[in-house]
PDB file of N, CA and C in Angstrom:
ATOM      1  N   MET A   1     162.337 -35.449  72.880  1.00  0.00           N
ATOM      2  CA  MET A   1     161.538 -36.610  72.529  1.00  0.00           C
ATOM      3  C   MET A   1     162.405 -37.692  71.893  1.00  0.00           C
ATOM      4  N   TYR A   2     163.311 -37.303  71.000  1.00  0.00           N
ATOM      5  CA  TYR A   2     164.134 -38.295  70.324  1.00  0.00           C
ATOM      6  C   TYR A   2     165.605 -38.155  70.661  1.00  0.00           C
ATOM      7  N   GLY A   3     165.925 -37.291  71.613  1.00  0.00           N
ATOM      8  CA  GLY A   3     167.314 -36.967  71.895  1.00  0.00           C
ATOM      9  C   GLY A   3     168.133 -38.129  72.414  1.00  0.00           C
ATOM     10  N   ARG A   4     169.402 -38.004  72.194  1.00  0.00           N
ATOM     11  CA  ARG A   4     170.332 -39.002  72.727  1.00  0.00           C
ATOM     12  C   ARG A   4     170.398 -38.854  74.232  1.00  0.00           C
ATOM     13  N   GLY A   5     170.638 -39.952  74.908  1.00  0.00           N
ATOM     14  CA  GLY A   5     170.741 -39.917  76.361  1.00  0.00           C
ATOM     15  C   GLY A   5     169.399 -39.886  77.065  1.00  0.00           C
ATOM     16  N   LYS A   6     168.323 -40.032  76.313  1.00  0.00           N
ATOM     17  CA  LYS A   6     166.991 -40.024  76.910  1.00  0.00           C
ATOM     18  C   LYS A   6     166.671 -41.404  77.471  1.00  0.00           C
ATOM     19  N   THR A   7     165.600 -41.461  78.230  1.00  0.00           N
ATOM     20  CA  THR A   7     165.156 -42.697  78.860  1.00  0.00           C
ATOM     21  C   THR A   7     164.813 -43.745  77.807  1.00  0.00           C
ATOM     22  N   PRO A   8     165.108 -45.021  78.050  1.00  0.00           N
ATOM     23  CA  PRO A   8     164.740 -46.081  77.107  1.00  0.00           C
ATOM     24  C   PRO A   8     163.228 -46.171  76.928  1.00  0.00           C
ATOM     25  N   ASP A   9     162.813 -46.815  75.844  1.00  0.00           N
ATOM     26  CA  ASP A   9     161.385 -46.954  75.576  1.00  0.00           C
ATOM     27  C   ASP A   9     160.760 -48.049  76.426  1.00  0.00           C
ATOM     28  N   SER A  10     159.499 -48.367  76.144  1.00  0.00           N
ATOM     29  CA  SER A  10     158.763 -49.351  76.933  1.00  0.00           C
ATOM     30  C   SER A  10     159.366 -50.750  76.842  1.00  0.00           C
ATOM     31  N   ASN A  11     160.192 -50.996  75.820  1.00  0.00           N
ATOM     32  CA  ASN A  11     160.863 -52.292  75.678  1.00  0.00           C
ATOM     33  C   ASN A  11     162.280 -52.274  76.237  1.00  0.00           C
ATOM     34  N   GLY A  12     162.715 -51.120  76.720  1.00  0.00           N
ATOM     35  CA  GLY A  12     164.053 -50.999  77.288  1.00  0.00           C
ATOM     36  C   GLY A  12     165.117 -50.555  76.302  1.00  0.00           C
ATOM     37  N   TYR A  13     164.723 -50.174  75.079  1.00  0.00           N
ATOM     38  CA  TYR A  13     165.685 -49.749  74.062  1.00  0.00           C
ATOM     39  C   TYR A  13     165.702 -48.229  73.955  1.00  0.00           C
ATOM     40  N   SER A  14     166.896 -47.670  73.882  1.00  0.00           N
ATOM     41  CA  SER A  14     167.041 -46.224  73.730  1.00  0.00           C
ATOM     42  C   SER A  14     167.314 -45.900  72.264  1.00  0.00           C
ATOM     43  N   LEU A  15     167.286 -44.611  71.957  1.00  0.00           N
ATOM     44  CA  LEU A  15     167.614 -44.186  70.602  1.00  0.00           C
ATOM     45  C   LEU A  15     169.030 -44.618  70.230  1.00  0.00           C
ATOM     46  N   GLU A  16     169.939 -44.588  71.208  1.00  0.00           N
ATOM     47  CA  GLU A  16     171.317 -45.014  70.957  1.00  0.00           C
ATOM     48  C   GLU A  16     171.384 -46.457  70.466  1.00  0.00           C
ATOM     49  N   PHE A  17     170.518 -47.314  70.995  1.00  0.00           N
ATOM     50  CA  PHE A  17     170.483 -48.705  70.551  1.00  0.00           C
ATOM     51  C   PHE A  17     170.207 -48.763  69.053  1.00  0.00           C
ATOM     52  N   TYR A  18     169.185 -48.024  68.605  1.00  0.00           N
ATOM     53  CA  TYR A  18     168.823 -48.035  67.190  1.00  0.00           C
ATOM     54  C   TYR A  18     169.941 -47.450  66.328  1.00  0.00           C
ATOM     55  N   ILE A  19     170.601 -46.410  66.827  1.00  0.00           N
ATOM     56  CA  ILE A  19     171.708 -45.799  66.082  1.00  0.00           C
ATOM     57  C   ILE A  19     172.906 -46.743  66.020  1.00  0.00           C
ATOM     58  N   ASN A  20     173.291 -47.298  67.155  1.00  0.00           N
ATOM     59  CA  ASN A  20     174.486 -48.152  67.218  1.00  0.00           C
ATOM     60  C   ASN A  20     174.327 -49.480  66.494  1.00  0.00           C
ATOM     61  N   PHE A  21     173.120 -50.018  66.458  1.00  0.00           N
ATOM     62  CA  PHE A  21     172.894 -51.329  65.846  1.00  0.00           C
ATOM     63  C   PHE A  21     172.067 -51.240  64.567  1.00  0.00           C
ATOM     64  N   TRP A  22     172.053 -50.051  63.953  1.00  0.00           N
ATOM     65  CA  TRP A  22     171.222 -49.834  62.775  1.00  0.00           C
ATOM     66  C   TRP A  22     171.472 -50.877  61.688  1.00  0.00           C
ATOM     67  N   GLU A  23     172.712 -51.169  61.388  1.00  0.00           N
ATOM     68  CA  GLU A  23     173.015 -52.132  60.323  1.00  0.00           C
ATOM     69  C   GLU A  23     172.462 -53.518  60.643  1.00  0.00           C
ATOM     70  N   ASP A  24     172.373 -53.865  61.912  1.00  0.00           N
ATOM     71  CA  ASP A  24     171.860 -55.175  62.311  1.00  0.00           C
ATOM     72  C   ASP A  24     170.332 -55.230  62.330  1.00  0.00           C
ATOM     73  N   ILE A  25     169.685 -54.109  62.602  1.00  0.00           N
ATOM     74  CA  ILE A  25     168.225 -54.126  62.786  1.00  0.00           C
ATOM     75  C   ILE A  25     167.454 -53.444  61.662  1.00  0.00           C
ATOM     76  N   ARG A  26     168.150 -52.810  60.737  1.00  0.00           N
ATOM     77  CA  ARG A  26     167.448 -51.999  59.748  1.00  0.00           C
ATOM     78  C   ARG A  26     166.494 -52.806  58.869  1.00  0.00           C
ATOM     79  N   LYS A  27     166.888 -53.995  58.444  1.00  0.00           N
ATOM     80  CA  LYS A  27     166.000 -54.797  57.590  1.00  0.00           C
ATOM     81  C   LYS A  27     164.723 -55.169  58.328  1.00  0.00           C
ATOM     82  N   SER A  28     164.870 -55.551  59.575  1.00  0.00           N
ATOM     83  CA  SER A  28     163.704 -55.920  60.377  1.00  0.00           C
ATOM     84  C   SER A  28     162.793 -54.715  60.618  1.00  0.00           C
ATOM     85  N   LEU A  29     163.385 -53.591  60.984  1.00  0.00           N
ATOM     86  CA  LEU A  29     162.602 -52.393  61.263  1.00  0.00           C
ATOM     87  C   LEU A  29     161.936 -51.862  59.996  1.00  0.00           C
ATOM     88  N   CYS A  30     162.677 -51.820  58.903  1.00  0.00           N
ATOM     89  CA  CYS A  30     162.094 -51.366  57.637  1.00  0.00           C
ATOM     90  C   CYS A  30     161.008 -52.328  57.161  1.00  0.00           C
ATOM     91  N   GLY A  31     161.175 -53.616  57.442  1.00  0.00           N
ATOM     92  CA  GLY A  31     160.133 -54.592  57.121  1.00  0.00           C
ATOM     93  C   GLY A  31     158.859 -54.321  57.905  1.00  0.00           C
ATOM     94  N   ALA A  32     159.005 -53.963  59.162  1.00  0.00           N
ATOM     95  CA  ALA A  32     157.839 -53.623  59.985  1.00  0.00           C
ATOM     96  C   ALA A  32     157.177 -52.352  59.462  1.00  0.00           C
ATOM     97  N   PHE A  33     157.976 -51.371  59.029  1.00  0.00           N
ATOM     98  CA  PHE A  33     157.418 -50.145  58.453  1.00  0.00           C
ATOM     99  C   PHE A  33     156.662 -50.467  57.165  1.00  0.00           C
ATOM    100  N   LYS A  34     157.239 -51.364  56.361  1.00  0.00           N
ATOM    101  CA  LYS A  34     156.595 -51.759  55.109  1.00  0.00           C
ATOM    102  C   LYS A  34     155.275 -52.476  55.393  1.00  0.00           C
ATOM    103  N   ASP A  35     155.262 -53.361  56.381  1.00  0.00           N
ATOM    104  CA  ASP A  35     154.016 -54.042  56.770  1.00  0.00           C
ATOM    105  C   ASP A  35     152.961 -53.033  57.188  1.00  0.00           C
ATOM    106  N   PHE A  36     153.374 -52.031  57.953  1.00  0.00           N
ATOM    107  CA  PHE A  36     152.429 -50.995  58.361  1.00  0.00           C
ATOM    108  C   PHE A  36     151.862 -50.285  57.138  1.00  0.00           C
ATOM    109  N   HIS A  37     152.735 -49.929  56.210  1.00  0.00           N
ATOM    110  CA  HIS A  37     152.308 -49.200  55.018  1.00  0.00           C
ATOM    111  C   HIS A  37     151.357 -50.040  54.160  1.00  0.00           C
ATOM    112  N   GLN A  38     151.639 -51.315  54.006  1.00  0.00           N
ATOM    113  CA  GLN A  38     150.832 -52.170  53.142  1.00  0.00           C
ATOM    114  C   GLN A  38     149.576 -52.704  53.826  1.00  0.00           C
ATOM    115  N   GLN A  39     149.677 -53.039  55.100  1.00  0.00           N
ATOM    116  CA  GLN A  39     148.564 -53.707  55.782  1.00  0.00           C
ATOM    117  C   GLN A  39     147.952 -52.879  56.906  1.00  0.00           C
ATOM    118  N   MET A  40     148.526 -51.694  57.166  1.00  0.00           N
ATOM    119  CA  MET A  40     148.064 -50.840  58.269  1.00  0.00           C
ATOM    120  C   MET A  40     148.080 -51.604  59.588  1.00  0.00           C
ATOM    121  N   HIS A  41     149.149 -52.349  59.797  1.00  0.00           N
ATOM    122  CA  HIS A  41     149.296 -53.156  61.012  1.00  0.00           C
ATOM    123  C   HIS A  41     150.653 -52.876  61.650  1.00  0.00           C
ATOM    124  N   LEU A  42     150.636 -52.596  62.949  1.00  0.00           N
ATOM    125  CA  LEU A  42     151.866 -52.399  63.715  1.00  0.00           C
ATOM    126  C   LEU A  42     152.060 -53.563  64.675  1.00  0.00           C
ATOM    127  N   PRO A  43     153.293 -53.895  64.997  1.00  0.00           N
ATOM    128  CA  PRO A  43     153.511 -54.888  66.058  1.00  0.00           C
ATOM    129  C   PRO A  43     152.828 -54.418  67.348  1.00  0.00           C
ATOM    130  N   ASN A  44     152.225 -55.338  68.075  1.00  0.00           N
ATOM    131  CA  ASN A  44     151.463 -54.994  69.282  1.00  0.00           C
ATOM    132  C   ASN A  44     152.253 -54.160  70.279  1.00  0.00           C
ATOM    133  N   THR A  45     153.518 -54.473  70.457  1.00  0.00           N
ATOM    134  CA  THR A  45     154.312 -53.770  71.469  1.00  0.00           C
ATOM    135  C   THR A  45     154.566 -52.310  71.107  1.00  0.00           C
ATOM    136  N   TRP A  46     154.421 -51.943  69.851  1.00  0.00           N
ATOM    137  CA  TRP A  46     154.685 -50.565  69.444  1.00  0.00           C
ATOM    138  C   TRP A  46     153.671 -49.595  70.027  1.00  0.00           C
ATOM    139  N   GLY A  47     152.489 -50.057  70.314  1.00  0.00           N
ATOM    140  CA  GLY A  47     151.453 -49.181  70.858  1.00  0.00           C
ATOM    141  C   GLY A  47     151.460 -49.097  72.370  1.00  0.00           C
ATOM    142  N   GLN A  48     152.328 -49.845  73.002  1.00  0.00           N
ATOM    143  CA  GLN A  48     152.367 -49.848  74.467  1.00  0.00           C
ATOM    144  C   GLN A  48     153.177 -48.672  74.992  1.00  0.00           C
ATOM    145  N   THR A  49     152.658 -48.057  76.041  1.00  0.00           N
ATOM    146  CA  THR A  49     153.355 -46.960  76.707  1.00  0.00           C
ATOM    147  C   THR A  49     153.352 -47.233  78.197  1.00  0.00           C
ATOM    148  N   ASN A  50     154.494 -47.102  78.810  1.00  0.00           N
ATOM    149  CA  ASN A  50     154.596 -47.236  80.266  1.00  0.00           C
ATOM    150  C   ASN A  50     154.664 -45.851  80.871  1.00  0.00           C
ATOM    151  N   LEU A  51     153.896 -45.639  81.915  1.00  0.00           N
ATOM    152  CA  LEU A  51     153.915 -44.371  82.627  1.00  0.00           C
ATOM    153  C   LEU A  51     154.721 -44.558  83.904  1.00  0.00           C
ATOM    154  N   VAL A  52     155.751 -43.745  84.057  1.00  0.00           N
ATOM    155  CA  VAL A  52     156.644 -43.831  85.208  1.00  0.00           C
ATOM    156  C   VAL A  52     156.591 -42.494  85.940  1.00  0.00           C
ATOM    157  N   PHE A  53     156.532 -42.559  87.259  1.00  0.00           N
ATOM    158  CA  PHE A  53     156.497 -41.340  88.060  1.00  0.00           C
ATOM    159  C   PHE A  53     157.854 -41.132  88.723  1.00  0.00           C
ATOM    160  N   ILE A  54     158.505 -40.037  88.380  1.00  0.00           N
ATOM    161  CA  ILE A  54     159.822 -39.697  88.909  1.00  0.00           C
ATOM    162  C   ILE A  54     159.631 -38.701  90.056  1.00  0.00           C
ATOM    163  N   PRO A  55     160.163 -39.005  91.235  1.00  0.00           N
ATOM    164  CA  PRO A  55     160.009 -38.063  92.354  1.00  0.00           C
ATOM    165  C   PRO A  55     160.712 -36.733  92.064  1.00  0.00           C
ATOM    166  N   LYS A  56     160.036 -35.636  92.378  1.00  0.00           N
ATOM    167  CA  LYS A  56     160.629 -34.308  92.229  1.00  0.00           C
ATOM    168  C   LYS A  56     161.471 -33.940  93.444  1.00  0.00           C
ATOM    169  N   LYS A  57     161.148 -34.546  94.572  1.00  0.00           N
ATOM    170  CA  LYS A  57     161.918 -34.270  95.784  1.00  0.00           C
ATOM    171  C   LYS A  57     162.213 -35.571  96.508  1.00  0.00           C
ATOM    172  N   GLU A  58     163.035 -35.488  97.531  1.00  0.00           N
ATOM    173  CA  GLU A  58     163.542 -36.686  98.200  1.00  0.00           C
ATOM    174  C   GLU A  58     162.455 -37.553  98.827  1.00  0.00           C
ATOM    175  N   GLN A  59     161.492 -36.963  99.487  1.00  0.00           N
ATOM    176  CA  GLN A  59     160.434 -37.738 100.143  1.00  0.00           C
ATOM    177  C   GLN A  59     159.065 -37.281  99.628  1.00  0.00           C
ATOM    178  N   PRO A  60     158.672 -37.743  98.443  1.00  0.00           N
ATOM    179  CA  PRO A  60     157.388 -37.310  97.887  1.00  0.00           C
ATOM    180  C   PRO A  60     156.211 -37.841  98.718  1.00  0.00           C
ATOM    181  N   LYS A  61     155.211 -36.989  98.910  1.00  0.00           N
ATOM    182  CA  LYS A  61     154.041 -37.385  99.700  1.00  0.00           C
ATOM    183  C   LYS A  61     152.742 -37.226  98.935  1.00  0.00           C
ATOM    184  N   GLU A  62     152.743 -36.394  97.912  1.00  0.00           N
ATOM    185  CA  GLU A  62     151.544 -36.131  97.126  1.00  0.00           C
ATOM    186  C   GLU A  62     151.855 -36.347  95.650  1.00  0.00           C
ATOM    187  N   ILE A  63     150.805 -36.515  94.871  1.00  0.00           N
ATOM    188  CA  ILE A  63     150.990 -36.766  93.441  1.00  0.00           C
ATOM    189  C   ILE A  63     151.726 -35.606  92.764  1.00  0.00           C
ATOM    190  N   LYS A  64     151.529 -34.378  93.261  1.00  0.00           N
ATOM    191  CA  LYS A  64     152.217 -33.226  92.670  1.00  0.00           C
ATOM    192  C   LYS A  64     153.725 -33.268  92.910  1.00  0.00           C
ATOM    193  N   ASP A  65     154.166 -34.165  93.786  1.00  0.00           N
ATOM    194  CA  ASP A  65     155.593 -34.321  94.072  1.00  0.00           C
ATOM    195  C   ASP A  65     156.295 -35.240  93.069  1.00  0.00           C
ATOM    196  N   PHE A  66     155.554 -35.689  92.066  1.00  0.00           N
ATOM    197  CA  PHE A  66     156.103 -36.580  91.041  1.00  0.00           C
ATOM    198  C   PHE A  66     155.983 -35.937  89.665  1.00  0.00           C
ATOM    199  N   ARG A  67     156.904 -36.308  88.794  1.00  0.00           N
ATOM    200  CA  ARG A  67     156.859 -35.881  87.398  1.00  0.00           C
ATOM    201  C   ARG A  67     156.570 -37.120  86.553  1.00  0.00           C
ATOM    202  N   PRO A  68     155.432 -37.136  85.828  1.00  0.00           N
ATOM    203  CA  PRO A  68     155.119 -38.311  85.003  1.00  0.00           C
ATOM    204  C   PRO A  68     155.948 -38.326  83.720  1.00  0.00           C
ATOM    205  N   ILE A  69     156.455 -39.480  83.387  1.00  0.00           N
ATOM    206  CA  ILE A  69     157.222 -39.681  82.155  1.00  0.00           C
ATOM    207  C   ILE A  69     156.576 -40.850  81.417  1.00  0.00           C
ATOM    208  N   ASP A  70     156.264 -40.648  80.138  1.00  0.00           N
ATOM    209  CA  ASP A  70     155.719 -41.762  79.360  1.00  0.00           C
ATOM    210  C   ASP A  70     156.829 -42.361  78.511  1.00  0.00           C
ATOM    211  N   LEU A  71     156.953 -43.661  78.588  1.00  0.00           N
ATOM    212  CA  LEU A  71     157.978 -44.393  77.844  1.00  0.00           C
ATOM    213  C   LEU A  71     157.310 -45.054  76.644  1.00  0.00           C
ATOM    214  N   CYS A  72     157.407 -44.402  75.492  1.00  0.00           N
ATOM    215  CA  CYS A  72     156.828 -44.925  74.257  1.00  0.00           C
ATOM    216  C   CYS A  72     157.901 -45.692  73.491  1.00  0.00           C
ATOM    217  N   ASN A  73     157.468 -46.581  72.650  1.00  0.00           N
ATOM    218  CA  ASN A  73     158.370 -47.387  71.846  1.00  0.00           C
ATOM    219  C   ASN A  73     159.133 -46.502  70.863  1.00  0.00           C
ATOM    220  N   VAL A  74     160.458 -46.612  70.830  1.00  0.00           N
ATOM    221  CA  VAL A  74     161.286 -45.773  69.957  1.00  0.00           C
ATOM    222  C   VAL A  74     160.989 -46.058  68.487  1.00  0.00           C
ATOM    223  N   ALA A  75     160.770 -47.309  68.116  1.00  0.00           N
ATOM    224  CA  ALA A  75     160.454 -47.635  66.722  1.00  0.00           C
ATOM    225  C   ALA A  75     159.160 -46.938  66.301  1.00  0.00           C
ATOM    226  N   TYR A  76     158.187 -46.891  67.199  1.00  0.00           N
ATOM    227  CA  TYR A  76     156.927 -46.193  66.935  1.00  0.00           C
ATOM    228  C   TYR A  76     157.180 -44.695  66.746  1.00  0.00           C
ATOM    229  N   LYS A  77     158.052 -44.125  67.580  1.00  0.00           N
ATOM    230  CA  LYS A  77     158.390 -42.706  67.456  1.00  0.00           C
ATOM    231  C   LYS A  77     159.084 -42.420  66.124  1.00  0.00           C
ATOM    232  N   ILE A  78     159.967 -43.324  65.715  1.00  0.00           N
ATOM    233  CA  ILE A  78     160.670 -43.147  64.441  1.00  0.00           C
ATOM    234  C   ILE A  78     159.665 -43.169  63.296  1.00  0.00           C
ATOM    235  N   LEU A  79     158.764 -44.150  63.299  1.00  0.00           N
ATOM    236  CA  LEU A  79     157.741 -44.238  62.258  1.00  0.00           C
ATOM    237  C   LEU A  79     156.869 -42.987  62.260  1.00  0.00           C
ATOM    238  N   SER A  80     156.476 -42.522  63.427  1.00  0.00           N
ATOM    239  CA  SER A  80     155.653 -41.310  63.529  1.00  0.00           C
ATOM    240  C   SER A  80     156.367 -40.115  62.919  1.00  0.00           C
ATOM    241  N   LYS A  81     157.645 -39.980  63.225  1.00  0.00           N
ATOM    242  CA  LYS A  81     158.437 -38.861  62.703  1.00  0.00           C
ATOM    243  C   LYS A  81     158.553 -38.943  61.180  1.00  0.00           C
ATOM    244  N   VAL A  82     158.752 -40.141  60.653  1.00  0.00           N
ATOM    245  CA  VAL A  82     158.830 -40.322  59.200  1.00  0.00           C
ATOM    246  C   VAL A  82     157.514 -39.895  58.554  1.00  0.00           C
ATOM    247  N   LEU A  83     156.393 -40.340  59.121  1.00  0.00           N
ATOM    248  CA  LEU A  83     155.085 -39.991  58.565  1.00  0.00           C
ATOM    249  C   LEU A  83     154.828 -38.488  58.626  1.00  0.00           C
ATOM    250  N   VAL A  84     155.154 -37.870  59.752  1.00  0.00           N
ATOM    251  CA  VAL A  84     154.968 -36.420  59.895  1.00  0.00           C
ATOM    252  C   VAL A  84     155.790 -35.674  58.849  1.00  0.00           C
ATOM    253  N   ASN A  85     157.044 -36.050  58.693  1.00  0.00           N
ATOM    254  CA  ASN A  85     157.908 -35.366  57.724  1.00  0.00           C
ATOM    255  C   ASN A  85     157.426 -35.542  56.290  1.00  0.00           C
ATOM    256  N   ARG A  86     156.866 -36.697  55.988  1.00  0.00           N
ATOM    257  CA  ARG A  86     156.368 -36.925  54.630  1.00  0.00           C
ATOM    258  C   ARG A  86     155.052 -36.198  54.371  1.00  0.00           C
ATOM    259  N   LEU A  87     154.254 -35.987  55.423  1.00  0.00           N
ATOM    260  CA  LEU A  87     152.968 -35.303  55.260  1.00  0.00           C
ATOM    261  C   LEU A  87     153.075 -33.781  55.317  1.00  0.00           C
ATOM    262  N   LYS A  88     154.149 -33.254  55.869  1.00  0.00           N
ATOM    263  CA  LYS A  88     154.294 -31.796  56.029  1.00  0.00           C
ATOM    264  C   LYS A  88     154.011 -31.007  54.747  1.00  0.00           C
ATOM    265  N   PRO A  89     154.549 -31.413  53.600  1.00  0.00           N
ATOM    266  CA  PRO A  89     154.292 -30.618  52.392  1.00  0.00           C
ATOM    267  C   PRO A  89     152.816 -30.588  51.974  1.00  0.00           C
ATOM    268  N   TYR A  90     152.023 -31.545  52.438  1.00  0.00           N
ATOM    269  CA  TYR A  90     150.634 -31.662  52.004  1.00  0.00           C
ATOM    270  C   TYR A  90     149.617 -31.277  53.078  1.00  0.00           C
ATOM    271  N   ILE A  91     150.087 -30.903  54.248  1.00  0.00           N
ATOM    272  CA  ILE A  91     149.190 -30.713  55.383  1.00  0.00           C
ATOM    273  C   ILE A  91     148.138 -29.634  55.116  1.00  0.00           C
ATOM    274  N   LYS A  92     148.511 -28.554  54.431  1.00  0.00           N
ATOM    275  CA  LYS A  92     147.543 -27.494  54.137  1.00  0.00           C
ATOM    276  C   LYS A  92     146.457 -27.975  53.185  1.00  0.00           C
ATOM    277  N   GLU A  93     146.786 -28.914  52.318  1.00  0.00           N
ATOM    278  CA  GLU A  93     145.800 -29.473  51.398  1.00  0.00           C
ATOM    279  C   GLU A  93     144.889 -30.476  52.105  1.00  0.00           C
ATOM    280  N   ILE A  94     145.417 -31.170  53.105  1.00  0.00           N
ATOM    281  CA  ILE A  94     144.675 -32.221  53.801  1.00  0.00           C
ATOM    282  C   ILE A  94     143.747 -31.653  54.865  1.00  0.00           C
ATOM    283  N   ILE A  95     144.222 -30.654  55.616  1.00  0.00           N
ATOM    284  CA  ILE A  95     143.462 -30.111  56.741  1.00  0.00           C
ATOM    285  C   ILE A  95     142.986 -28.709  56.410  1.00  0.00           C
ATOM    286  N   SER A  96     141.695 -28.508  56.562  1.00  0.00           N
ATOM    287  CA  SER A  96     141.117 -27.184  56.358  1.00  0.00           C
ATOM    288  C   SER A  96     140.993 -26.484  57.697  1.00  0.00           C
ATOM    289  N   TRP A  97     141.352 -25.219  57.754  1.00  0.00           N
ATOM    290  CA  TRP A  97     141.257 -24.451  58.993  1.00  0.00           C
ATOM    291  C   TRP A  97     139.873 -23.840  59.160  1.00  0.00           C
ATOM    292  N   GLU A  98     138.981 -24.081  58.220  1.00  0.00           N
ATOM    293  CA  GLU A  98     137.620 -23.534  58.304  1.00  0.00           C
ATOM    294  C   GLU A  98     136.674 -24.500  58.953  1.00  0.00           C
TER     295      GLU A  98
END
């Protein structure tokens, strides 16, 4: 999901882009995270996902001959991962299994 060398996101940016240009984009990205935290608002493009069908064989003829790949925004994935990691210690208190 977050591995290096994976397909770029819906905006055309890969995880490598964020890693390689972190010093240039960190203030902007952290500002967007802060806006989300304070106003519960994400940039519109973060919620967009492109669905791409990759052929499994040379001459696909049926839908089963394709593998669907969803291209989600990497910044959205990063924010999701941060939230999941921060909630992990409290998940048993938040969610009841009964």
